[in-house]
Protein backbone atom coordinates (compact mmCIF):
# COMPACT_ATOMS: atom_id res chain seq x y z
CA UNK A 1 83.60 132.29 68.07
CA UNK A 2 84.01 129.01 66.17
CA UNK A 3 85.63 128.82 62.73
CA UNK A 4 86.80 126.16 60.27
CA UNK A 5 90.55 126.71 59.95
CA UNK A 6 92.82 124.91 57.48
CA UNK A 7 96.43 124.19 58.44
CA UNK A 8 98.42 121.69 56.34
CA UNK A 9 96.37 119.55 53.93
CA UNK A 10 93.71 117.41 55.66
CA UNK A 11 94.26 119.24 58.93
CA UNK A 12 90.98 121.12 59.25
CA UNK A 13 90.18 122.23 62.77
CA UNK A 14 87.20 123.89 64.42
CA UNK A 15 88.89 126.58 66.49
CA UNK A 16 87.94 129.55 68.62
CA UNK A 17 89.07 132.79 66.99
CA UNK A 18 88.60 136.45 67.85
CA UNK A 19 86.22 138.75 66.01
CA UNK A 20 87.89 141.52 64.03
CA UNK A 21 87.39 145.10 65.17
CA UNK A 22 84.81 146.73 62.88
CA UNK A 23 85.35 150.14 61.32
CA UNK A 24 82.79 152.91 60.71
CA UNK A 25 81.80 151.50 57.28
CA UNK A 26 81.85 147.86 58.34
CA UNK A 27 79.03 145.39 58.84
CA UNK A 28 79.05 142.54 61.36
CA UNK A 29 77.31 139.51 59.88
CA UNK A 30 76.07 136.50 61.80
CA UNK A 31 76.94 133.86 59.21
CA UNK A 32 74.23 131.22 58.85
CA UNK A 33 75.18 129.20 55.75
CA UNK A 34 78.36 128.65 53.78
CA UNK A 35 78.82 126.56 50.64
CA UNK A 36 81.91 124.41 50.17
CA UNK A 37 83.56 125.34 46.86
CA UNK A 38 86.10 123.53 44.70
CA UNK A 39 88.84 125.89 45.86
CA UNK A 40 88.00 125.05 49.50
CA UNK A 41 88.46 121.38 48.60
CA UNK A 42 91.82 122.15 46.95
CA UNK A 43 92.98 123.83 50.16
CA UNK A 44 91.66 120.90 52.20
CA UNK A 45 93.21 118.12 50.12
CA UNK A 46 96.30 119.75 48.59
CA UNK A 47 97.05 122.87 50.62
CA UNK A 48 96.27 125.10 47.64
CA UNK A 49 96.07 125.12 43.86
CA UNK A 50 98.54 126.07 41.14
CA UNK A 51 101.27 128.14 42.80
CA UNK A 52 98.98 129.27 45.65
CA UNK A 53 99.68 127.53 48.95
CA UNK A 54 98.44 127.96 52.49
CA UNK A 55 101.35 129.37 54.49
CA UNK A 56 99.54 130.16 57.71
CA UNK A 57 96.29 129.05 59.36
CA UNK A 58 93.34 130.33 57.34
CA UNK A 59 89.58 130.32 57.79
CA UNK A 60 88.07 128.79 54.65
CA UNK A 61 84.88 129.75 52.83
CA UNK A 62 83.67 132.42 50.43
CA UNK A 63 80.07 131.34 49.59
CA UNK A 64 78.35 132.72 52.67
CA UNK A 65 75.13 134.39 53.73
CA UNK A 66 73.56 135.38 57.02
CA UNK A 67 71.95 138.15 59.01
CA UNK A 68 73.29 141.60 59.91
CA UNK A 69 74.12 141.79 63.61
CA UNK A 70 75.60 145.30 63.82
CA UNK A 71 76.66 148.16 61.56
CA UNK A 72 79.17 150.97 61.78
CA UNK A 73 77.97 154.58 62.22
CA UNK A 74 78.52 155.43 58.52
CA UNK A 75 76.70 152.39 57.11
CA UNK A 76 73.46 153.19 55.27
CA UNK A 77 72.92 150.17 53.01
CA UNK A 78 71.80 147.64 55.61
CA UNK A 79 70.63 147.59 59.21
CA UNK A 80 70.67 145.02 62.03
CA UNK A 81 68.32 142.14 61.29
CA UNK A 82 68.64 142.33 57.50
CA UNK A 83 69.41 139.15 55.60
CA UNK A 84 72.49 139.49 53.37
CA UNK A 85 74.64 137.56 50.95
CA UNK A 86 78.31 138.43 51.47
CA UNK A 87 80.26 139.30 48.33
CA UNK A 88 83.71 137.80 48.98
CA UNK A 89 85.41 140.31 46.64
CA UNK A 90 86.76 143.57 48.02
CA UNK A 91 88.57 145.39 45.18
CA UNK A 92 90.60 148.52 45.87
CA UNK A 93 88.65 150.62 43.34
CA UNK A 94 91.82 152.66 42.78
CA UNK A 95 94.12 150.58 40.55
CA UNK A 96 94.09 150.83 36.75
CA UNK A 97 91.86 147.78 36.31
CA UNK A 98 89.30 148.92 38.86
CA UNK A 99 89.19 152.35 37.21
CA UNK A 100 88.54 150.61 33.87
CA UNK A 101 85.57 148.74 35.36
CA UNK A 102 87.42 145.42 35.58
CA UNK A 103 87.42 145.03 39.34
CA UNK A 104 87.78 141.24 39.05
CA UNK A 105 91.38 141.97 37.97
CA UNK A 106 92.09 144.34 40.87
CA UNK A 107 95.80 144.58 41.70
CA UNK A 108 95.05 144.76 45.43
CA UNK A 109 92.07 142.43 45.69
CA UNK A 110 91.07 141.06 49.07
CA UNK A 111 89.05 137.89 48.47
CA UNK A 112 87.61 135.97 51.41
CA UNK A 113 89.26 132.65 52.18
CA UNK A 114 92.18 133.19 49.82
CA UNK A 115 95.87 132.38 50.32
CA UNK A 116 96.92 134.46 47.30
CA UNK A 117 98.35 137.18 49.54
CA UNK A 118 100.13 137.41 52.89
CA UNK A 119 98.74 137.64 55.40
CA UNK A 120 95.98 135.46 53.99
CA UNK A 121 92.47 136.88 53.74
CA UNK A 122 90.36 134.98 56.25
CA UNK A 123 87.17 133.37 54.96
CA UNK A 124 83.57 133.11 56.01
CA UNK A 125 83.30 129.69 57.65
CA UNK A 126 82.98 131.32 61.05
CA UNK A 127 80.07 132.28 63.21
CA UNK A 128 80.58 136.01 62.67
CA UNK A 129 82.51 138.02 60.13
CA UNK A 130 83.23 141.66 59.46
CA UNK A 131 82.82 142.91 55.91
CA UNK A 132 82.77 146.25 54.16
CA UNK A 133 79.34 147.78 53.61
CA UNK A 134 79.74 147.23 49.85
CA UNK A 135 80.05 143.48 50.41
CA UNK A 136 76.81 143.08 52.39
CA UNK A 137 74.18 142.69 49.68
CA UNK A 138 70.56 142.66 50.90
CA UNK A 139 69.11 139.22 50.23
CA UNK A 140 65.47 138.71 51.19
CA UNK A 141 65.46 134.92 51.07
CA UNK A 142 66.60 131.93 53.13
CA UNK A 143 70.35 131.94 53.74
CA UNK A 144 70.86 128.51 52.19
CA UNK A 145 69.63 129.98 48.90
CA UNK A 146 71.51 133.27 49.26
CA UNK A 147 74.76 131.34 49.78
CA UNK A 148 74.55 130.33 46.10
CA UNK A 149 75.08 133.94 45.02
CA UNK A 150 78.86 133.58 44.67
CA UNK A 151 78.95 130.50 42.39
CA UNK A 152 76.02 131.87 40.40
CA UNK A 153 77.98 135.12 39.94
CA UNK A 154 80.88 133.15 38.48
CA UNK A 155 78.52 131.60 35.94
CA UNK A 156 76.78 134.85 35.08
CA UNK A 157 80.18 136.32 34.26
CA UNK A 158 81.11 133.24 32.20
CA UNK A 159 77.92 133.47 30.15
CA UNK A 160 78.50 137.19 29.67
CA UNK A 161 81.94 136.31 28.27
CA UNK A 162 80.27 134.07 25.67
CA UNK A 163 78.06 136.81 24.26
CA UNK A 164 74.38 136.58 23.32
CA UNK A 165 72.76 133.23 24.12
CA UNK A 166 69.45 133.63 22.31
CA UNK A 167 68.97 130.67 19.98
CA UNK A 168 72.44 129.25 20.66
CA UNK A 169 73.31 125.58 20.89
CA UNK A 170 75.38 125.10 24.04
CA UNK A 171 77.73 122.38 25.28
CA UNK A 172 78.82 122.21 28.93
CA UNK A 173 81.69 119.85 29.77
CA UNK A 174 81.66 119.03 33.49
CA UNK A 175 78.39 118.74 35.41
CA UNK A 176 79.51 119.89 38.85
CA UNK A 177 77.93 122.91 40.56
CA UNK A 178 79.60 125.43 38.23
CA UNK A 179 78.77 123.46 35.09
CA UNK A 180 75.16 123.07 36.23
CA UNK A 181 74.79 126.76 36.99
CA UNK A 182 76.40 127.73 33.66
CA UNK A 183 73.85 125.54 31.89
CA UNK A 184 70.99 127.05 33.88
CA UNK A 185 72.13 130.61 33.15
CA UNK A 186 72.57 129.78 29.46
CA UNK A 187 69.04 128.38 29.33
CA UNK A 188 67.65 131.41 31.16
CA UNK A 189 69.47 133.61 28.63
CA UNK A 190 67.75 131.97 25.68
CA UNK A 191 69.86 128.96 24.67
CA UNK A 192 67.83 126.68 22.39
CA UNK A 193 69.75 123.50 23.23
CA UNK A 194 71.93 122.43 26.15
CA UNK A 195 74.06 119.28 26.15
CA UNK A 196 76.21 118.29 29.13
CA UNK A 197 79.03 115.79 29.62
CA UNK A 198 80.65 114.31 32.71
CA UNK A 199 82.47 111.23 33.97
CA UNK A 200 79.69 110.19 36.37
CA UNK A 201 76.06 109.21 35.98
CA UNK A 202 74.71 110.89 39.12
CA UNK A 203 75.34 114.55 38.14
CA UNK A 204 74.22 113.81 34.59
CA UNK A 205 70.92 112.42 35.85
CA UNK A 206 70.39 115.66 37.74
CA UNK A 207 71.35 117.64 34.63
CA UNK A 208 68.66 115.86 32.61
CA UNK A 209 66.06 116.60 35.28
CA UNK A 210 66.92 120.27 35.56
CA UNK A 211 68.28 121.70 32.34
CA UNK A 212 69.94 119.42 29.77
CA UNK A 213 68.33 118.22 26.56
CA UNK A 214 70.94 115.47 26.28
CA UNK A 215 73.82 114.16 28.40
CA UNK A 216 76.88 112.05 27.70
CA UNK A 217 78.91 110.00 30.16
CA UNK A 218 82.27 110.20 28.40
CA UNK A 219 83.58 107.15 30.27
CA UNK A 220 80.63 104.87 29.47
CA UNK A 221 80.15 106.44 26.02
CA UNK A 222 83.58 107.54 24.76
CA UNK A 223 82.08 108.27 21.33
CA UNK A 224 78.93 109.86 22.73
CA UNK A 225 79.76 113.29 21.31
CA UNK A 226 80.63 111.92 17.85
CA UNK A 227 77.27 112.86 16.30
CA UNK A 228 77.88 116.46 17.37
CA UNK A 229 81.35 116.50 15.76
CA UNK A 230 80.06 115.78 12.25
CA UNK A 231 80.35 118.44 9.54
CA UNK A 232 82.91 120.42 11.55
CA UNK A 233 80.80 120.64 14.70
CA UNK A 234 77.38 121.44 16.07
CA UNK A 235 77.58 123.86 19.01
CA UNK A 236 77.82 127.64 18.94
CA UNK A 237 79.16 127.94 22.49
CA UNK A 238 80.95 125.59 24.88
CA UNK A 239 81.50 126.17 28.58
CA UNK A 240 84.43 124.00 29.63
CA UNK A 241 83.94 123.43 33.36
CA UNK A 242 86.11 120.36 33.95
CA UNK A 243 89.51 122.03 33.63
CA UNK A 244 90.85 118.93 31.89
CA UNK A 245 92.68 118.48 28.58
CA UNK A 246 90.17 115.84 27.38
CA UNK A 247 87.31 118.19 28.22
CA UNK A 248 88.87 121.01 26.23
CA UNK A 249 89.61 118.75 23.26
CA UNK A 250 86.08 117.35 23.19
CA UNK A 251 84.57 120.85 23.40
CA UNK A 252 86.70 122.11 20.51
CA UNK A 253 85.82 119.12 18.38
CA UNK A 254 82.09 119.68 18.92
CA UNK A 255 82.15 123.44 18.30
CA UNK A 256 81.20 124.63 14.84
CA UNK A 257 83.53 126.99 12.94
CA UNK A 258 83.34 130.46 14.45
CA UNK A 259 82.13 129.07 17.78
CA UNK A 260 83.20 130.26 21.21
CA UNK A 261 84.89 128.25 23.95
CA UNK A 262 84.67 129.79 27.42
CA UNK A 263 87.18 128.18 29.76
CA UNK A 264 85.59 128.13 33.21
CA UNK A 265 87.30 125.21 34.99
CA UNK A 266 90.90 125.08 36.16
CA UNK A 267 92.96 121.91 36.38
CA UNK A 268 95.91 121.29 38.63
CA UNK A 269 98.46 122.88 36.32
CA UNK A 270 99.16 123.67 32.69
CA UNK A 271 96.64 122.09 30.32
CA UNK A 272 97.21 121.10 26.70
CA UNK A 273 95.04 122.95 24.18
CA UNK A 274 94.91 121.65 20.57
CA UNK A 275 95.65 125.00 18.94
CA UNK A 276 95.51 123.56 15.43
CA UNK A 277 91.77 123.04 15.95
CA UNK A 278 91.35 126.54 17.38
CA UNK A 279 93.03 127.98 14.28
CA UNK A 280 91.41 125.76 11.65
CA UNK A 281 87.89 126.31 12.99
CA UNK A 282 88.46 129.99 13.84
CA UNK A 283 87.36 129.40 17.41
CA UNK A 284 87.14 132.28 19.86
CA UNK A 285 88.83 131.11 23.07
CA UNK A 286 87.90 133.14 26.15
CA UNK A 287 88.82 132.88 29.78
CA UNK A 288 86.51 133.91 32.59
CA UNK A 289 87.68 135.01 36.03
CA UNK A 290 85.50 135.66 39.05
CA UNK A 291 82.88 138.44 38.71
CA UNK A 292 82.01 141.94 39.87
CA UNK A 293 78.66 143.49 38.97
CA UNK A 294 77.25 139.99 38.53
CA UNK A 295 77.06 139.39 42.30
CA UNK A 296 74.10 141.70 42.81
CA UNK A 297 72.51 140.27 39.66
CA UNK A 298 72.87 136.79 41.17
CA UNK A 299 71.21 137.85 44.42
CA UNK A 300 68.31 139.32 42.46
CA UNK A 301 67.85 136.18 40.33
CA UNK A 302 67.90 133.98 43.42
CA UNK A 303 65.51 136.19 45.37
CA UNK A 304 63.01 136.19 42.48
CA UNK A 305 63.33 132.45 41.95
CA UNK A 306 64.41 132.95 38.34
CA UNK A 307 66.98 130.21 38.92
CA UNK A 308 66.02 127.40 41.29
CA UNK A 309 69.12 126.18 43.11
CA UNK A 310 67.29 124.05 45.69
CA UNK A 311 67.84 120.77 43.78
CA UNK A 312 71.61 121.42 43.81
CA UNK A 313 71.85 121.50 47.61
CA UNK A 314 72.77 118.01 48.79
CA UNK A 315 73.01 118.55 52.55
CA UNK A 316 73.52 121.22 55.21
CA UNK A 317 75.94 120.01 57.89
CA UNK A 318 76.77 121.69 61.23
CA UNK A 319 80.11 123.48 61.50
CA UNK A 320 81.26 121.10 64.22
CA UNK A 321 81.03 118.29 61.67
CA UNK A 322 83.00 120.17 59.00
CA UNK A 323 85.34 117.27 58.19
CA UNK A 324 82.38 115.08 57.26
CA UNK A 325 81.02 117.95 55.18
CA UNK A 326 84.30 118.32 53.27
CA UNK A 327 84.57 114.58 52.72
CA UNK A 328 81.00 114.45 51.43
CA UNK A 329 81.59 117.43 49.13
CA UNK A 330 84.58 115.59 47.68
CA UNK A 331 82.46 112.60 46.63
CA UNK A 332 80.81 113.65 43.36
CA UNK A 333 78.83 110.42 43.24
CA UNK A 334 76.95 111.52 46.35
CA UNK A 335 77.10 115.30 46.44
CA UNK A 336 76.50 118.33 44.26
CA UNK A 337 76.71 121.21 46.76
CA UNK A 338 77.29 120.83 50.49
CA UNK A 339 76.84 123.71 52.91
CA UNK A 340 77.91 124.30 56.47
CA UNK A 341 75.40 125.57 59.01
CA UNK A 342 77.21 128.08 61.19
């Protein structure tokens, strides 16, 4: 079968690979759609992120959905023909974190399309994949919508980290797919006001159409957040989705005393945080990492249409044209979310 395999940076090949041998609790999925994520782009352009580097050929992709093709004899959750979204997380459910209900911190996590361990865990940008029964979540909807379950799960977990949203004033710095979905989840959860910032006009225009009460292009309007900084700040919660030091600083300046900053985005390395502002304003600073229970919540929200992700999908491109898809996904002036059709 065909798969999108990364080698060194910018060497992405469509190759024929063998299908894994399924076990009695495994599900064979005919993958139909796969979204290109920021981490996929890091592998494509830089060979990895932080200290993680591709050390052997690896199939990319972890935002995938499709149709069940076959099931093992012990599988009861799904049957051939069912539409599913594939949860890329496979925790061990035996380590101390899993037993505490924090499976996102599993000490033996197997996450699709990840070079964090050797051998690497192969991803979902392939025509067929084998997954554990627990990863095949029934998804009665088109696969291009179901493929948004993974990024939506990330944002559901981020908003859960922030606490109750009802009546909150929310700032989102970074209007890419994750920032947009964080804003949409915050609004669904009862936020009274949503303001978004970015470096580009195109994603901000989409933000205004879909969810934001106000947007600021911090390049064109470097003082655009100044009105929100007055009297020690305006916002109750900030979701920092850019992963940049300026984004963090601007979010802290606009948060009111006692506010909460949820750090969602990751930059290329260590990022400066103005701790004097965190201390003086008694800010709660929280990280957010992946998800667990939120994946099935995301599938349910998407299936019910509670969150409409259709406007975020820029283009669906055939697997054979994966390089064009990755190049398009890199250009934030043109693309929000690009998917591969497998």
